[in-house]
Amino acid sequence: MLTLRVEVPYASFRKSYARSFAETYPLPPPATVYGMLLSLVSERFRRRHVGVRLAFAYKRVPLIATTLRKLSRYKYGVPGKQEKLGNAPDFIETLCGIDFLCWVDSSGELAADPTLEQRILTALTAPESVERYGVLCLGLSDDAVNDVCLCETIEGEWYRLIPHNMGVMELPIWVDHVGAARTRWQRYDLEGRATMVTTPTMEQWTEIMAPD
């Protein structure tokens, strides 16, 4: 098991059903964090590390800013329609000051060798051995990661993100990029107060599994 600390100045995680007003999820979705980890190790096949488990804790609850910016509406539409109507200014929500711990457990991975744990360790301790391109981002290409590092000891108090079937927030753990039918969701609660944290317990893990 690895413990990572990830810091991102700002990022937007547009809700799956948001339309003209680009609302953001209140926290980075597990599916997005998993994608960031794949990018870190230069893995392009999304199913390569299915079965890996992730757990999360936040230094603070990220603030939400509302800004006016150009928004692309018809990314996969008719080129002419995109050119005339696709790019227009609109309001978008952005999370600010994202700082979280991510535990990675590869003991349940189905077939990967090396595991995601092993590849992350290699990417962080010997980055010259990983061939990747571009800036590491948490989601969109302009949501650059400021720092990702191994966390040997956990200092201070953190807010744990707890999977709960009756949780107040719903986050995607696997996104269907063609349509929404095969997107998988999980409900969560963020602890009401920060506490000292240790190794996640069984019920605090989120398993990354693709649809059948």
N, C-alpha and C. Protein backbone atom coordinates (compact mmCIF):
# COMPACT_ATOMS: atom_id res chain seq x y z
N MET A 1 0.84 -1.19 0.00
CA MET A 1 0.00 0.00 0.00
C MET A 1 0.87 1.25 0.00
N LEU A 2 0.50 2.23 -0.80
CA LEU A 2 1.19 3.51 -0.87
C LEU A 2 0.27 4.61 -0.36
N THR A 3 0.88 5.64 0.22
CA THR A 3 0.13 6.84 0.58
C THR A 3 0.72 8.00 -0.19
N LEU A 4 -0.11 8.69 -0.96
CA LEU A 4 0.31 9.83 -1.76
C LEU A 4 -0.34 11.10 -1.23
N ARG A 5 0.38 12.20 -1.37
CA ARG A 5 -0.22 13.51 -1.12
C ARG A 5 -0.26 14.26 -2.43
N VAL A 6 -1.44 14.76 -2.77
CA VAL A 6 -1.65 15.43 -4.06
C VAL A 6 -2.13 16.85 -3.79
N GLU A 7 -1.48 17.82 -4.43
CA GLU A 7 -1.87 19.22 -4.28
C GLU A 7 -2.15 19.81 -5.66
N VAL A 8 -3.32 20.42 -5.79
CA VAL A 8 -3.76 21.03 -7.05
C VAL A 8 -4.32 22.41 -6.73
N PRO A 9 -3.78 23.48 -7.33
CA PRO A 9 -4.27 24.83 -7.01
C PRO A 9 -5.75 25.02 -7.31
N TYR A 10 -6.17 24.54 -8.48
CA TYR A 10 -7.57 24.66 -8.85
C TYR A 10 -7.90 23.61 -9.90
N ALA A 11 -9.15 23.21 -9.96
CA ALA A 11 -9.61 22.24 -10.95
C ALA A 11 -11.12 22.25 -10.98
N SER A 12 -11.68 21.88 -12.10
CA SER A 12 -13.13 21.80 -12.24
C SER A 12 -13.51 20.38 -12.64
N PHE A 13 -14.48 19.81 -11.93
CA PHE A 13 -14.96 18.46 -12.21
C PHE A 13 -16.44 18.56 -12.54
N ARG A 14 -16.71 18.87 -13.79
CA ARG A 14 -18.08 19.19 -14.21
C ARG A 14 -19.01 18.01 -13.97
N LYS A 15 -20.13 18.29 -13.33
CA LYS A 15 -21.11 17.25 -13.05
C LYS A 15 -21.63 16.66 -14.35
N SER A 16 -21.88 15.36 -14.32
CA SER A 16 -22.25 14.64 -15.54
C SER A 16 -23.49 15.21 -16.20
N TYR A 17 -24.43 15.74 -15.42
CA TYR A 17 -25.68 16.23 -15.98
C TYR A 17 -25.77 17.75 -16.00
N ALA A 18 -24.66 18.43 -15.78
CA ALA A 18 -24.65 19.89 -15.85
C ALA A 18 -24.81 20.34 -17.30
N ARG A 19 -25.51 21.42 -17.50
CA ARG A 19 -25.73 21.93 -18.85
C ARG A 19 -25.10 23.30 -19.00
N SER A 20 -25.90 24.37 -19.11
CA SER A 20 -25.33 25.69 -19.39
C SER A 20 -24.47 26.19 -18.24
N PHE A 21 -24.88 25.91 -17.00
CA PHE A 21 -24.07 26.29 -15.85
C PHE A 21 -23.23 25.09 -15.44
N ALA A 22 -21.91 25.21 -15.60
CA ALA A 22 -21.00 24.07 -15.40
C ALA A 22 -20.72 23.89 -13.91
N GLU A 23 -21.63 23.24 -13.20
CA GLU A 23 -21.41 22.94 -11.79
C GLU A 23 -20.30 21.91 -11.64
N THR A 24 -19.56 22.00 -10.55
CA THR A 24 -18.51 21.04 -10.29
C THR A 24 -18.91 20.11 -9.15
N TYR A 25 -18.39 18.89 -9.18
CA TYR A 25 -18.51 18.03 -8.02
C TYR A 25 -17.76 18.70 -6.86
N PRO A 26 -18.19 18.48 -5.63
CA PRO A 26 -17.55 19.17 -4.50
C PRO A 26 -16.15 18.66 -4.18
N LEU A 27 -15.80 17.46 -4.69
CA LEU A 27 -14.48 16.87 -4.50
C LEU A 27 -14.06 16.17 -5.78
N PRO A 28 -12.78 15.93 -5.98
CA PRO A 28 -12.35 15.19 -7.17
C PRO A 28 -12.95 13.79 -7.19
N PRO A 29 -13.65 13.39 -8.24
CA PRO A 29 -14.22 12.04 -8.30
C PRO A 29 -13.12 10.97 -8.31
N PRO A 30 -13.36 9.83 -7.67
CA PRO A 30 -12.38 8.75 -7.72
C PRO A 30 -11.98 8.35 -9.13
N ALA A 31 -12.92 8.39 -10.07
CA ALA A 31 -12.60 8.06 -11.46
C ALA A 31 -11.55 9.01 -12.02
N THR A 32 -11.62 10.29 -11.65
CA THR A 32 -10.66 11.28 -12.13
C THR A 32 -9.29 11.07 -11.48
N VAL A 33 -9.28 10.76 -10.20
CA VAL A 33 -8.01 10.50 -9.52
C VAL A 33 -7.33 9.27 -10.12
N TYR A 34 -8.12 8.24 -10.38
CA TYR A 34 -7.57 7.03 -11.02
C TYR A 34 -6.96 7.38 -12.38
N GLY A 35 -7.64 8.21 -13.16
CA GLY A 35 -7.10 8.63 -14.45
C GLY A 35 -5.81 9.41 -14.30
N MET A 36 -5.72 10.25 -13.28
CA MET A 36 -4.48 10.99 -13.02
C MET A 36 -3.33 10.04 -12.69
N LEU A 37 -3.62 8.99 -11.91
CA LEU A 37 -2.58 8.02 -11.57
C LEU A 37 -2.13 7.25 -12.81
N LEU A 38 -3.06 6.93 -13.70
CA LEU A 38 -2.66 6.26 -14.95
C LEU A 38 -1.77 7.18 -15.78
N SER A 39 -2.11 8.47 -15.81
CA SER A 39 -1.27 9.41 -16.55
C SER A 39 0.12 9.51 -15.93
N LEU A 40 0.18 9.48 -14.61
CA LEU A 40 1.47 9.56 -13.91
C LEU A 40 2.41 8.44 -14.34
N VAL A 41 1.87 7.24 -14.53
CA VAL A 41 2.71 6.09 -14.88
C VAL A 41 2.73 5.85 -16.39
N SER A 42 2.09 6.75 -17.16
CA SER A 42 2.05 6.66 -18.62
C SER A 42 1.32 5.40 -19.11
N GLU A 43 0.15 5.17 -18.54
CA GLU A 43 -0.69 4.05 -18.96
C GLU A 43 -1.90 4.59 -19.72
N ARG A 44 -2.09 4.14 -20.96
CA ARG A 44 -3.18 4.63 -21.80
C ARG A 44 -4.39 3.70 -21.83
N PHE A 45 -4.23 2.48 -21.35
CA PHE A 45 -5.33 1.51 -21.34
C PHE A 45 -6.03 1.59 -19.98
N ARG A 46 -7.24 2.12 -19.96
CA ARG A 46 -7.89 2.44 -18.70
C ARG A 46 -8.19 1.21 -17.84
N ARG A 47 -8.38 0.08 -18.47
CA ARG A 47 -8.72 -1.13 -17.72
C ARG A 47 -7.50 -1.88 -17.19
N ARG A 48 -6.31 -1.38 -17.42
CA ARG A 48 -5.10 -2.09 -17.07
C ARG A 48 -5.04 -2.43 -15.58
N HIS A 49 -5.50 -1.52 -14.74
CA HIS A 49 -5.34 -1.72 -13.30
C HIS A 49 -6.69 -1.79 -12.57
N VAL A 50 -7.71 -2.32 -13.22
CA VAL A 50 -8.99 -2.49 -12.53
C VAL A 50 -8.80 -3.44 -11.35
N GLY A 51 -9.53 -3.17 -10.30
CA GLY A 51 -9.38 -3.93 -9.07
C GLY A 51 -8.56 -3.21 -8.02
N VAL A 52 -7.83 -2.16 -8.43
CA VAL A 52 -7.07 -1.37 -7.46
C VAL A 52 -8.05 -0.66 -6.54
N ARG A 53 -7.65 -0.46 -5.30
CA ARG A 53 -8.50 0.23 -4.33
C ARG A 53 -7.87 1.56 -3.94
N LEU A 54 -8.71 2.58 -3.81
CA LEU A 54 -8.26 3.91 -3.43
C LEU A 54 -9.04 4.38 -2.20
N ALA A 55 -8.40 5.17 -1.36
CA ALA A 55 -9.05 5.80 -0.22
C ALA A 55 -8.53 7.23 -0.13
N PHE A 56 -9.35 8.12 0.47
CA PHE A 56 -9.05 9.55 0.40
C PHE A 56 -9.27 10.25 1.74
N ALA A 57 -8.48 11.29 1.96
CA ALA A 57 -8.68 12.20 3.09
C ALA A 57 -8.22 13.59 2.64
N TYR A 58 -8.92 14.63 3.09
CA TYR A 58 -8.67 15.99 2.62
C TYR A 58 -8.17 16.89 3.75
N LYS A 59 -7.18 17.72 3.41
CA LYS A 59 -6.63 18.66 4.39
C LYS A 59 -7.67 19.70 4.76
N ARG A 60 -8.45 20.10 3.79
CA ARG A 60 -9.50 21.09 3.98
C ARG A 60 -10.61 20.83 2.97
N VAL A 61 -11.76 21.39 3.22
CA VAL A 61 -12.84 21.32 2.24
C VAL A 61 -12.55 22.37 1.17
N PRO A 62 -12.37 21.97 -0.10
CA PRO A 62 -12.04 22.96 -1.14
C PRO A 62 -13.13 24.02 -1.30
N LEU A 63 -12.69 25.25 -1.51
CA LEU A 63 -13.63 26.34 -1.78
C LEU A 63 -14.06 26.29 -3.24
N ILE A 64 -15.25 26.79 -3.52
CA ILE A 64 -15.78 26.81 -4.88
C ILE A 64 -15.86 28.24 -5.37
N ALA A 65 -15.21 28.53 -6.50
CA ALA A 65 -15.26 29.85 -7.13
C ALA A 65 -16.10 29.75 -8.40
N THR A 66 -16.84 30.79 -8.70
CA THR A 66 -17.63 30.86 -9.93
C THR A 66 -17.02 31.92 -10.83
N THR A 67 -16.63 31.52 -12.03
CA THR A 67 -15.98 32.44 -12.97
C THR A 67 -16.68 32.38 -14.32
N LEU A 68 -16.41 33.39 -15.13
CA LEU A 68 -16.93 33.45 -16.49
C LEU A 68 -15.80 33.12 -17.44
N ARG A 69 -15.99 32.10 -18.25
CA ARG A 69 -14.93 31.70 -19.17
C ARG A 69 -15.54 31.04 -20.41
N LYS A 70 -14.71 30.88 -21.43
CA LYS A 70 -15.17 30.24 -22.66
C LYS A 70 -15.43 28.76 -22.40
N LEU A 71 -16.57 28.29 -22.85
CA LEU A 71 -16.97 26.90 -22.60
C LEU A 71 -17.29 26.23 -23.92
N SER A 72 -16.69 25.07 -24.16
CA SER A 72 -16.94 24.30 -25.38
C SER A 72 -18.17 23.43 -25.17
N ARG A 73 -19.15 23.52 -26.10
CA ARG A 73 -20.43 22.84 -25.91
C ARG A 73 -20.63 21.64 -26.83
N TYR A 74 -19.99 21.63 -27.98
CA TYR A 74 -20.26 20.58 -28.96
C TYR A 74 -18.97 19.88 -29.37
N LYS A 75 -18.25 19.38 -28.39
CA LYS A 75 -16.95 18.77 -28.65
C LYS A 75 -17.04 17.64 -29.67
N TYR A 76 -18.08 16.81 -29.58
CA TYR A 76 -18.21 15.67 -30.48
C TYR A 76 -19.28 15.89 -31.54
N GLY A 77 -19.68 17.16 -31.74
CA GLY A 77 -20.75 17.44 -32.68
C GLY A 77 -20.26 17.72 -34.09
N VAL A 78 -21.16 18.28 -34.90
CA VAL A 78 -20.83 18.64 -36.28
C VAL A 78 -19.85 19.80 -36.25
N PRO A 79 -18.73 19.72 -37.01
CA PRO A 79 -17.72 20.78 -36.95
C PRO A 79 -18.27 22.18 -37.19
N GLY A 80 -19.19 22.32 -38.16
CA GLY A 80 -19.77 23.63 -38.44
C GLY A 80 -20.55 24.19 -37.28
N LYS A 81 -21.27 23.32 -36.59
CA LYS A 81 -22.05 23.73 -35.42
C LYS A 81 -21.12 24.14 -34.29
N GLN A 82 -20.04 23.39 -34.12
CA GLN A 82 -19.07 23.73 -33.08
C GLN A 82 -18.45 25.09 -33.36
N GLU A 83 -18.12 25.36 -34.62
CA GLU A 83 -17.46 26.62 -34.98
C GLU A 83 -18.35 27.82 -34.72
N LYS A 84 -19.66 27.69 -34.99
CA LYS A 84 -20.57 28.82 -34.86
C LYS A 84 -21.17 28.97 -33.46
N LEU A 85 -21.48 27.85 -32.83
CA LEU A 85 -22.21 27.89 -31.57
C LEU A 85 -21.47 27.25 -30.40
N GLY A 86 -20.39 26.52 -30.68
CA GLY A 86 -19.78 25.69 -29.65
C GLY A 86 -19.02 26.43 -28.58
N ASN A 87 -18.26 27.46 -28.94
CA ASN A 87 -17.46 28.16 -27.96
C ASN A 87 -18.12 29.48 -27.59
N ALA A 88 -18.57 29.56 -26.34
CA ALA A 88 -19.25 30.76 -25.88
C ALA A 88 -18.95 30.97 -24.40
N PRO A 89 -18.94 32.22 -23.95
CA PRO A 89 -18.68 32.46 -22.52
C PRO A 89 -19.85 32.01 -21.66
N ASP A 90 -19.54 31.43 -20.53
CA ASP A 90 -20.58 31.02 -19.59
C ASP A 90 -19.95 30.84 -18.22
N PHE A 91 -20.78 30.67 -17.21
CA PHE A 91 -20.29 30.51 -15.85
C PHE A 91 -19.86 29.07 -15.60
N ILE A 92 -18.77 28.94 -14.86
CA ILE A 92 -18.24 27.62 -14.53
C ILE A 92 -17.74 27.64 -13.09
N GLU A 93 -18.00 26.56 -12.37
CA GLU A 93 -17.51 26.44 -10.99
C GLU A 93 -16.14 25.77 -10.97
N THR A 94 -15.29 26.22 -10.07
CA THR A 94 -13.94 25.69 -9.94
C THR A 94 -13.61 25.46 -8.48
N LEU A 95 -13.05 24.29 -8.17
CA LEU A 95 -12.58 24.02 -6.81
C LEU A 95 -11.20 24.64 -6.62
N CYS A 96 -10.98 25.27 -5.47
CA CYS A 96 -9.72 25.95 -5.20
C CYS A 96 -9.05 25.36 -3.96
N GLY A 97 -7.73 25.20 -4.02
CA GLY A 97 -6.97 24.73 -2.87
C GLY A 97 -7.20 23.25 -2.57
N ILE A 98 -7.05 22.40 -3.58
CA ILE A 98 -7.27 20.96 -3.41
C ILE A 98 -6.00 20.33 -2.85
N ASP A 99 -6.13 19.68 -1.71
CA ASP A 99 -4.98 19.08 -1.02
C ASP A 99 -5.48 17.81 -0.34
N PHE A 100 -5.07 16.65 -0.85
CA PHE A 100 -5.63 15.41 -0.30
C PHE A 100 -4.61 14.28 -0.25
N LEU A 101 -4.89 13.32 0.60
CA LEU A 101 -4.15 12.07 0.66
C LEU A 101 -4.89 11.02 -0.16
N CYS A 102 -4.13 10.20 -0.86
CA CYS A 102 -4.71 9.10 -1.63
C CYS A 102 -3.93 7.83 -1.30
N TRP A 103 -4.62 6.88 -0.69
CA TRP A 103 -4.02 5.58 -0.43
C TRP A 103 -4.28 4.68 -1.63
N VAL A 104 -3.27 3.93 -2.05
CA VAL A 104 -3.38 3.04 -3.21
C VAL A 104 -3.05 1.62 -2.77
N ASP A 105 -3.99 0.70 -3.00
CA ASP A 105 -3.80 -0.70 -2.62
C ASP A 105 -4.04 -1.58 -3.83
N SER A 106 -2.99 -2.25 -4.30
CA SER A 106 -3.08 -3.08 -5.51
C SER A 106 -3.28 -4.56 -5.23
N SER A 107 -3.57 -4.92 -3.99
CA SER A 107 -3.68 -6.35 -3.66
C SER A 107 -4.83 -7.03 -4.38
N GLY A 108 -5.82 -6.26 -4.84
CA GLY A 108 -6.96 -6.86 -5.53
C GLY A 108 -6.95 -6.69 -7.03
N GLU A 109 -5.85 -6.18 -7.60
CA GLU A 109 -5.80 -6.02 -9.05
C GLU A 109 -5.93 -7.36 -9.75
N LEU A 110 -6.60 -7.36 -10.89
CA LEU A 110 -6.98 -8.62 -11.53
C LEU A 110 -5.84 -9.27 -12.29
N ALA A 111 -5.08 -8.49 -13.07
CA ALA A 111 -4.10 -9.15 -13.92
C ALA A 111 -2.82 -8.34 -14.15
N ALA A 112 -2.71 -7.17 -13.57
CA ALA A 112 -1.60 -6.29 -13.90
C ALA A 112 -0.29 -6.74 -13.27
N ASP A 113 0.78 -6.70 -14.06
CA ASP A 113 2.12 -7.00 -13.59
C ASP A 113 3.10 -6.19 -14.44
N PRO A 114 3.72 -5.15 -13.89
CA PRO A 114 3.68 -4.74 -12.50
C PRO A 114 2.36 -4.07 -12.12
N THR A 115 2.10 -3.99 -10.83
CA THR A 115 0.87 -3.39 -10.34
C THR A 115 0.95 -1.88 -10.41
N LEU A 116 -0.18 -1.23 -10.19
CA LEU A 116 -0.20 0.23 -10.18
C LEU A 116 0.65 0.76 -9.04
N GLU A 117 0.60 0.11 -7.90
CA GLU A 117 1.47 0.51 -6.77
C GLU A 117 2.93 0.54 -7.19
N GLN A 118 3.38 -0.54 -7.80
CA GLN A 118 4.79 -0.64 -8.20
C GLN A 118 5.14 0.42 -9.23
N ARG A 119 4.23 0.68 -10.16
CA ARG A 119 4.51 1.65 -11.21
C ARG A 119 4.54 3.07 -10.66
N ILE A 120 3.66 3.38 -9.70
CA ILE A 120 3.68 4.71 -9.08
C ILE A 120 5.00 4.91 -8.33
N LEU A 121 5.42 3.90 -7.59
CA LEU A 121 6.67 4.00 -6.85
C LEU A 121 7.84 4.26 -7.80
N THR A 122 7.85 3.57 -8.94
CA THR A 122 8.90 3.78 -9.94
C THR A 122 8.83 5.19 -10.51
N ALA A 123 7.61 5.66 -10.81
CA ALA A 123 7.45 6.98 -11.42
C ALA A 123 7.92 8.09 -10.49
N LEU A 124 7.76 7.90 -9.18
CA LEU A 124 8.13 8.94 -8.23
C LEU A 124 9.59 8.87 -7.79
N THR A 125 10.15 7.68 -7.77
CA THR A 125 11.54 7.53 -7.31
C THR A 125 12.54 7.51 -8.46
N ALA A 126 12.09 7.13 -9.66
CA ALA A 126 12.96 7.11 -10.83
C ALA A 126 12.19 7.64 -12.04
N PRO A 127 11.81 8.93 -12.02
CA PRO A 127 10.96 9.48 -13.09
C PRO A 127 11.58 9.39 -14.47
N GLU A 128 12.90 9.33 -14.55
CA GLU A 128 13.55 9.24 -15.86
C GLU A 128 13.26 7.91 -16.56
N SER A 129 12.75 6.92 -15.82
CA SER A 129 12.46 5.60 -16.41
C SER A 129 11.07 5.52 -17.01
N VAL A 130 10.26 6.57 -16.83
CA VAL A 130 8.88 6.57 -17.33
C VAL A 130 8.79 7.51 -18.52
N GLU A 131 8.35 7.00 -19.64
CA GLU A 131 8.19 7.81 -20.84
C GLU A 131 6.75 8.31 -20.93
N ARG A 132 6.55 9.58 -20.63
CA ARG A 132 5.24 10.19 -20.72
C ARG A 132 5.41 11.59 -21.29
N TYR A 133 4.29 12.22 -21.65
CA TYR A 133 4.39 13.55 -22.22
C TYR A 133 3.29 14.43 -21.62
N GLY A 134 3.50 15.74 -21.66
CA GLY A 134 2.51 16.68 -21.16
C GLY A 134 2.59 16.88 -19.66
N VAL A 135 1.82 17.84 -19.20
CA VAL A 135 1.76 18.17 -17.78
C VAL A 135 0.79 17.21 -17.09
N LEU A 136 1.12 16.79 -15.89
CA LEU A 136 0.22 15.94 -15.12
C LEU A 136 -0.95 16.78 -14.64
N CYS A 137 -2.17 16.34 -14.96
CA CYS A 137 -3.37 17.09 -14.64
C CYS A 137 -4.36 16.22 -13.88
N LEU A 138 -5.20 16.88 -13.11
CA LEU A 138 -6.28 16.20 -12.41
C LEU A 138 -7.57 16.55 -13.13
N GLY A 139 -7.83 15.84 -14.22
CA GLY A 139 -9.02 16.12 -15.01
C GLY A 139 -8.65 16.81 -16.31
N LEU A 140 -9.13 18.05 -16.50
CA LEU A 140 -8.91 18.78 -17.73
C LEU A 140 -7.45 19.18 -17.89
N SER A 141 -7.09 19.50 -19.13
CA SER A 141 -5.68 19.76 -19.44
C SER A 141 -5.15 21.03 -18.79
N ASP A 142 -6.04 21.92 -18.33
CA ASP A 142 -5.55 23.13 -17.66
C ASP A 142 -5.61 23.03 -16.14
N ASP A 143 -5.97 21.85 -15.62
CA ASP A 143 -6.04 21.64 -14.17
C ASP A 143 -4.77 20.92 -13.71
N ALA A 144 -3.66 21.63 -13.79
CA ALA A 144 -2.36 21.02 -13.55
C ALA A 144 -2.16 20.67 -12.08
N VAL A 145 -1.50 19.52 -11.85
CA VAL A 145 -1.15 19.09 -10.50
C VAL A 145 0.11 19.84 -10.08
N ASN A 146 0.05 20.46 -8.90
CA ASN A 146 1.20 21.19 -8.39
C ASN A 146 2.25 20.25 -7.82
N ASP A 147 1.78 19.20 -7.12
CA ASP A 147 2.74 18.27 -6.50
C ASP A 147 2.03 16.95 -6.21
N VAL A 148 2.75 15.86 -6.44
CA VAL A 148 2.31 14.53 -5.99
C VAL A 148 3.55 13.84 -5.44
N CYS A 149 3.46 13.36 -4.21
CA CYS A 149 4.64 12.80 -3.56
C CYS A 149 4.23 11.67 -2.62
N LEU A 150 5.19 10.81 -2.33
CA LEU A 150 4.98 9.76 -1.34
C LEU A 150 4.91 10.38 0.04
N CYS A 151 3.99 9.88 0.84
CA CYS A 151 3.80 10.40 2.19
C CYS A 151 4.18 9.31 3.18
N GLU A 152 5.37 9.40 3.73
CA GLU A 152 5.85 8.37 4.65
C GLU A 152 5.17 8.47 6.01
N THR A 153 4.99 9.68 6.48
CA THR A 153 4.30 9.91 7.75
C THR A 153 3.20 10.95 7.52
N ILE A 154 2.06 10.75 8.15
CA ILE A 154 0.92 11.65 7.98
C ILE A 154 0.85 12.58 9.19
N GLU A 155 1.00 13.86 8.93
CA GLU A 155 0.98 14.84 10.00
C GLU A 155 -0.30 15.67 9.94
N GLY A 156 -0.75 16.13 11.09
CA GLY A 156 -1.91 16.99 11.13
C GLY A 156 -3.22 16.23 11.06
N GLU A 157 -4.31 16.97 10.96
CA GLU A 157 -5.65 16.39 10.93
C GLU A 157 -6.25 16.52 9.54
N TRP A 158 -7.05 15.52 9.17
CA TRP A 158 -7.61 15.41 7.83
C TRP A 158 -9.08 15.01 7.90
N TYR A 159 -9.81 15.35 6.83
CA TYR A 159 -11.21 14.94 6.70
C TYR A 159 -11.26 13.70 5.81
N ARG A 160 -11.69 12.59 6.36
CA ARG A 160 -11.79 11.37 5.56
C ARG A 160 -13.03 11.39 4.67
N LEU A 161 -12.89 10.82 3.47
CA LEU A 161 -14.02 10.62 2.57
C LEU A 161 -14.47 9.17 2.73
N ILE A 162 -15.71 8.97 3.19
CA ILE A 162 -16.19 7.65 3.56
C ILE A 162 -17.28 7.18 2.60
N PRO A 163 -17.10 6.05 1.89
CA PRO A 163 -18.20 5.50 1.08
C PRO A 163 -19.37 5.13 1.98
N HIS A 164 -20.58 5.54 1.56
CA HIS A 164 -21.78 5.25 2.35
C HIS A 164 -22.98 5.27 1.41
N ASN A 165 -23.77 4.22 1.45
CA ASN A 165 -24.90 4.10 0.52
C ASN A 165 -25.92 5.22 0.67
N MET A 166 -25.94 5.88 1.83
CA MET A 166 -26.87 6.99 2.06
C MET A 166 -26.12 8.31 2.17
N GLY A 167 -24.91 8.37 1.60
CA GLY A 167 -24.09 9.57 1.68
C GLY A 167 -24.71 10.76 0.97
N VAL A 168 -24.26 11.95 1.33
CA VAL A 168 -24.86 13.18 0.81
C VAL A 168 -24.33 13.55 -0.58
N MET A 169 -23.19 12.99 -0.98
CA MET A 169 -22.67 13.31 -2.31
C MET A 169 -22.46 12.03 -3.12
N GLU A 170 -22.70 12.16 -4.42
CA GLU A 170 -22.53 11.03 -5.33
C GLU A 170 -21.43 11.37 -6.32
N LEU A 171 -20.42 10.48 -6.41
CA LEU A 171 -19.27 10.72 -7.28
C LEU A 171 -19.08 9.54 -8.21
N PRO A 172 -18.67 9.78 -9.47
CA PRO A 172 -18.41 8.67 -10.39
C PRO A 172 -17.10 7.96 -10.06
N ILE A 173 -17.14 6.63 -10.11
CA ILE A 173 -15.92 5.84 -9.91
C ILE A 173 -15.48 5.18 -11.22
N TRP A 174 -16.32 5.25 -12.24
CA TRP A 174 -15.95 4.82 -13.60
C TRP A 174 -16.86 5.57 -14.56
N VAL A 175 -16.28 6.30 -15.51
CA VAL A 175 -17.05 7.17 -16.40
C VAL A 175 -17.15 6.56 -17.78
N ASP A 176 -18.37 6.51 -18.30
CA ASP A 176 -18.61 6.11 -19.68
C ASP A 176 -18.49 7.36 -20.54
N HIS A 177 -17.40 7.48 -21.30
CA HIS A 177 -17.13 8.70 -22.07
C HIS A 177 -17.93 8.76 -23.37
N VAL A 178 -18.58 7.68 -23.76
CA VAL A 178 -19.40 7.68 -24.98
C VAL A 178 -20.84 8.04 -24.64
N GLY A 179 -21.35 7.48 -23.59
CA GLY A 179 -22.70 7.77 -23.09
C GLY A 179 -22.68 7.60 -21.59
N ALA A 180 -23.82 7.80 -20.95
CA ALA A 180 -23.85 7.74 -19.49
C ALA A 180 -24.29 6.38 -18.97
N ALA A 181 -24.72 5.49 -19.86
CA ALA A 181 -25.37 4.26 -19.42
C ALA A 181 -24.46 3.38 -18.57
N ARG A 182 -23.16 3.38 -18.85
CA ARG A 182 -22.25 2.47 -18.16
C ARG A 182 -21.38 3.17 -17.11
N THR A 183 -21.71 4.41 -16.79
CA THR A 183 -21.02 5.10 -15.72
C THR A 183 -21.40 4.48 -14.38
N ARG A 184 -20.42 4.27 -13.51
CA ARG A 184 -20.66 3.68 -12.20
C ARG A 184 -20.46 4.75 -11.13
N TRP A 185 -21.34 4.74 -10.11
CA TRP A 185 -21.37 5.77 -9.10
C TRP A 185 -21.19 5.18 -7.71
N GLN A 186 -20.79 6.03 -6.77
CA GLN A 186 -20.74 5.66 -5.36
C GLN A 186 -21.10 6.90 -4.54
N ARG A 187 -21.89 6.71 -3.50
CA ARG A 187 -22.24 7.80 -2.59
C ARG A 187 -21.21 7.87 -1.46
N TYR A 188 -20.96 9.11 -0.98
CA TYR A 188 -19.94 9.33 0.03
C TYR A 188 -20.41 10.35 1.07
N ASP A 189 -19.78 10.30 2.21
CA ASP A 189 -19.87 11.35 3.23
C ASP A 189 -18.46 11.83 3.53
N LEU A 190 -18.31 13.14 3.68
CA LEU A 190 -17.04 13.71 4.15
C LEU A 190 -17.19 13.96 5.65
N GLU A 191 -16.25 13.46 6.42
CA GLU A 191 -16.34 13.59 7.87
C GLU A 191 -16.55 15.05 8.28
N GLY A 192 -17.36 15.23 9.30
CA GLY A 192 -17.72 16.58 9.73
C GLY A 192 -16.60 17.33 10.42
N ARG A 193 -15.60 16.62 10.93
CA ARG A 193 -14.47 17.29 11.56
C ARG A 193 -13.18 16.55 11.22
N ALA A 194 -12.11 17.30 11.21
CA ALA A 194 -10.81 16.73 10.86
C ALA A 194 -10.25 15.96 12.06
N THR A 195 -9.59 14.84 11.77
CA THR A 195 -8.99 14.01 12.82
C THR A 195 -7.63 13.50 12.35
N MET A 196 -6.87 12.96 13.26
CA MET A 196 -5.64 12.26 12.89
C MET A 196 -6.03 10.98 12.15
N VAL A 197 -5.34 10.67 11.07
CA VAL A 197 -5.73 9.52 10.26
C VAL A 197 -4.61 8.47 10.26
N THR A 198 -5.03 7.23 10.06
CA THR A 198 -4.10 6.11 9.94
C THR A 198 -4.49 5.31 8.71
N THR A 199 -4.06 4.07 8.63
CA THR A 199 -4.40 3.21 7.49
C THR A 199 -5.92 3.06 7.37
N PRO A 200 -6.47 3.20 6.16
CA PRO A 200 -7.92 3.09 5.99
C PRO A 200 -8.44 1.72 6.42
N THR A 201 -9.62 1.74 7.01
CA THR A 201 -10.29 0.49 7.36
C THR A 201 -11.02 -0.06 6.14
N MET A 202 -11.54 -1.28 6.24
CA MET A 202 -12.13 -1.97 5.11
C MET A 202 -13.22 -1.16 4.42
N GLU A 203 -14.09 -0.50 5.21
CA GLU A 203 -15.23 0.21 4.63
C GLU A 203 -14.86 1.56 4.03
N GLN A 204 -13.60 1.98 4.15
CA GLN A 204 -13.21 3.29 3.64
C GLN A 204 -12.58 3.23 2.24
N TRP A 205 -12.44 2.03 1.70
CA TRP A 205 -11.84 1.88 0.37
C TRP A 205 -12.89 1.99 -0.74
N THR A 206 -12.43 2.48 -1.89
CA THR A 206 -13.23 2.47 -3.12
C THR A 206 -12.51 1.60 -4.14
N GLU A 207 -13.20 0.58 -4.62
CA GLU A 207 -12.60 -0.31 -5.62
C GLU A 207 -12.92 0.20 -7.02
N ILE A 208 -11.89 0.32 -7.84
CA ILE A 208 -12.06 0.76 -9.21
C ILE A 208 -12.34 -0.45 -10.08
N MET A 209 -13.60 -0.57 -10.51
CA MET A 209 -14.02 -1.69 -11.35
C MET A 209 -14.75 -1.18 -12.58
N ALA A 210 -14.39 -1.73 -13.74
CA ALA A 210 -15.06 -1.36 -14.98
C ALA A 210 -16.39 -2.12 -15.09
N PRO A 211 -17.34 -1.58 -15.86
CA PRO A 211 -18.59 -2.31 -16.10
C PRO A 211 -18.32 -3.62 -16.82
N ASP A 212 -19.18 -4.61 -16.66
CA ASP A 212 -19.02 -5.90 -17.33
C ASP A 212 -19.17 -5.73 -18.83
